[in-house]
Amino acid sequence: MFKVIGFYKKEEGIEEFIEYLKNVLIPRVLQVPGVIKVEYTDLVVSNSSPTPVTKDNDFAFMCEIYFASPEALQIALDSEHGKIITEVWVKHATNYMVAYVGKEEVYNANLFTNLRY
């Protein structure tokens, strides 16, 4: 599976953007042909983080948009609806977002194995 991942920095005004994202942008993204799902995750720095938090790496949340393949991602981005959503999203997130495209690999624990440490 392929996805677009956006990390959003803690900046002034981020709360208003989060409301807009959840109430307007995500419902519109889910209507783009080829989009499988959208996941939103609030982020909190772990106590065991080896890197100190700075203004450059202090993220409020991340948002992931999933596609079945790189071709599905490209078709979505090239669609009229996809172009409009991308333009609106970037316009509203310019001060907050760092975006990546990724190929997801999933590793699951075997729930039927009795693990001992």
Protein backbone atom coordinates (compact mmCIF):
# COMPACT_ATOMS: atom_id res chain seq x y z
CA MET A 1 0.00 0.00 0.00
CA PHE A 2 1.17 3.54 -0.67
CA LYS A 3 0.40 6.62 1.33
CA VAL A 4 0.98 10.33 1.63
CA ILE A 5 2.09 11.21 5.15
CA GLY A 6 1.90 14.73 6.49
CA PHE A 7 3.60 15.77 9.72
CA TYR A 8 2.21 19.00 11.15
CA LYS A 9 4.30 21.24 13.39
CA LYS A 10 2.98 22.87 16.53
CA GLU A 11 2.53 26.45 15.38
CA GLU A 12 0.19 29.27 16.25
CA GLY A 13 -3.18 28.64 14.63
CA ILE A 14 -2.77 24.86 14.37
CA GLU A 15 -5.96 24.24 16.38
CA GLU A 16 -8.07 26.07 13.78
CA PHE A 17 -6.37 24.11 11.01
CA ILE A 18 -7.11 20.82 12.81
CA GLU A 19 -10.82 21.68 12.96
CA TYR A 20 -10.80 22.60 9.24
CA LEU A 21 -8.90 19.41 8.43
CA LYS A 22 -11.29 17.14 10.29
CA ASN A 23 -14.52 18.87 9.25
CA VAL A 24 -13.76 19.90 5.66
CA LEU A 25 -10.58 18.47 4.14
CA ILE A 26 -10.73 14.83 5.25
CA PRO A 27 -14.37 14.34 4.14
CA ARG A 28 -13.43 15.81 0.73
CA VAL A 29 -10.30 13.65 0.43
CA LEU A 30 -12.37 10.54 1.07
CA GLN A 31 -14.35 11.39 -2.08
CA VAL A 32 -11.24 11.37 -4.31
CA PRO A 33 -11.21 8.25 -6.51
CA GLY A 34 -8.46 5.88 -5.39
CA VAL A 35 -8.31 6.98 -1.75
CA ILE A 36 -8.74 3.95 0.51
CA LYS A 37 -8.70 5.64 3.91
CA VAL A 38 -7.36 8.58 5.92
CA GLU A 39 -5.80 8.22 9.37
CA TYR A 40 -5.27 11.10 11.80
CA THR A 41 -2.92 10.67 14.79
CA ASP A 42 -2.28 13.17 17.60
CA LEU A 43 1.41 13.10 18.54
CA VAL A 44 3.01 13.43 21.97
CA VAL A 45 6.77 13.27 22.48
CA SER A 46 7.85 10.03 24.11
CA ASN A 47 9.77 10.19 27.38
CA SER A 48 12.30 7.84 25.81
CA SER A 49 12.94 10.00 22.73
CA PRO A 50 16.71 10.13 22.13
CA THR A 51 16.44 13.45 20.28
CA PRO A 52 15.58 16.66 22.11
CA VAL A 53 12.44 18.43 20.98
CA THR A 54 13.02 21.67 19.11
CA LYS A 55 10.76 24.02 17.18
CA ASP A 56 11.78 22.16 14.01
CA ASN A 57 10.78 18.68 15.19
CA ASP A 58 7.85 19.36 17.55
CA PHE A 59 4.87 17.91 15.69
CA ALA A 60 1.22 18.18 16.78
CA PHE A 61 -0.17 15.39 14.62
CA MET A 62 0.25 13.34 11.49
CA CYS A 63 -2.22 12.52 8.77
CA GLU A 64 -1.93 9.59 6.35
CA ILE A 65 -3.86 9.13 3.10
CA TYR A 66 -3.79 5.54 1.77
CA PHE A 67 -3.79 4.27 -1.83
CA ALA A 68 -3.62 0.72 -3.23
CA SER A 69 -0.64 1.42 -5.50
CA PRO A 70 1.62 4.20 -6.78
CA GLU A 71 -0.55 4.25 -9.91
CA ALA A 72 -3.69 4.81 -7.81
CA LEU A 73 -1.92 7.64 -5.99
CA GLN A 74 -0.93 9.27 -9.28
CA ILE A 75 -4.43 8.88 -10.74
CA ALA A 76 -5.89 10.50 -7.61
CA LEU A 77 -3.43 13.41 -7.79
CA ASP A 78 -4.12 13.88 -11.51
CA SER A 79 -7.92 13.81 -11.12
CA GLU A 80 -9.76 17.13 -11.13
CA HIS A 81 -11.03 16.54 -7.59
CA GLY A 82 -7.54 15.49 -6.44
CA LYS A 83 -5.94 18.63 -7.87
CA ILE A 84 -8.46 20.89 -6.14
CA ILE A 85 -8.09 19.15 -2.77
CA THR A 86 -4.29 19.18 -3.02
CA GLU A 87 -4.27 22.90 -3.80
CA VAL A 88 -6.63 23.74 -0.94
CA TRP A 89 -4.79 21.46 1.52
CA VAL A 90 -1.37 22.92 0.70
CA LYS A 91 -2.72 26.47 0.85
CA HIS A 92 -4.07 25.93 4.37
CA ALA A 93 -1.15 23.81 5.64
CA THR A 94 1.82 25.76 4.26
CA ASN A 95 2.97 26.94 7.69
CA TYR A 96 2.54 23.56 9.37
CA MET A 97 3.17 20.62 7.07
CA VAL A 98 6.07 18.47 5.95
CA ALA A 99 4.86 15.79 3.51
CA TYR A 100 6.26 12.43 2.42
CA VAL A 101 5.17 9.60 0.14
CA GLY A 102 5.78 6.13 1.48
CA LYS A 103 5.37 2.46 0.66
CA GLU A 104 3.90 0.75 3.67
CA GLU A 105 5.03 -2.64 4.97
CA VAL A 106 3.00 -4.18 7.77
CA TYR A 107 4.37 -6.68 10.29
CA ASN A 108 1.87 -8.31 12.63
CA ALA A 109 2.48 -10.17 15.85
CA ASN A 110 1.32 -13.75 15.96
CA LEU A 111 -1.40 -13.54 18.58
CA PHE A 112 -1.33 -17.30 19.09
CA THR A 113 2.31 -17.42 20.19
CA ASN A 114 3.10 -17.27 23.88
CA LEU A 115 6.04 -14.86 24.04
CA ARG A 116 8.33 -14.90 27.06
CA TYR A 117 11.00 -12.26 27.73
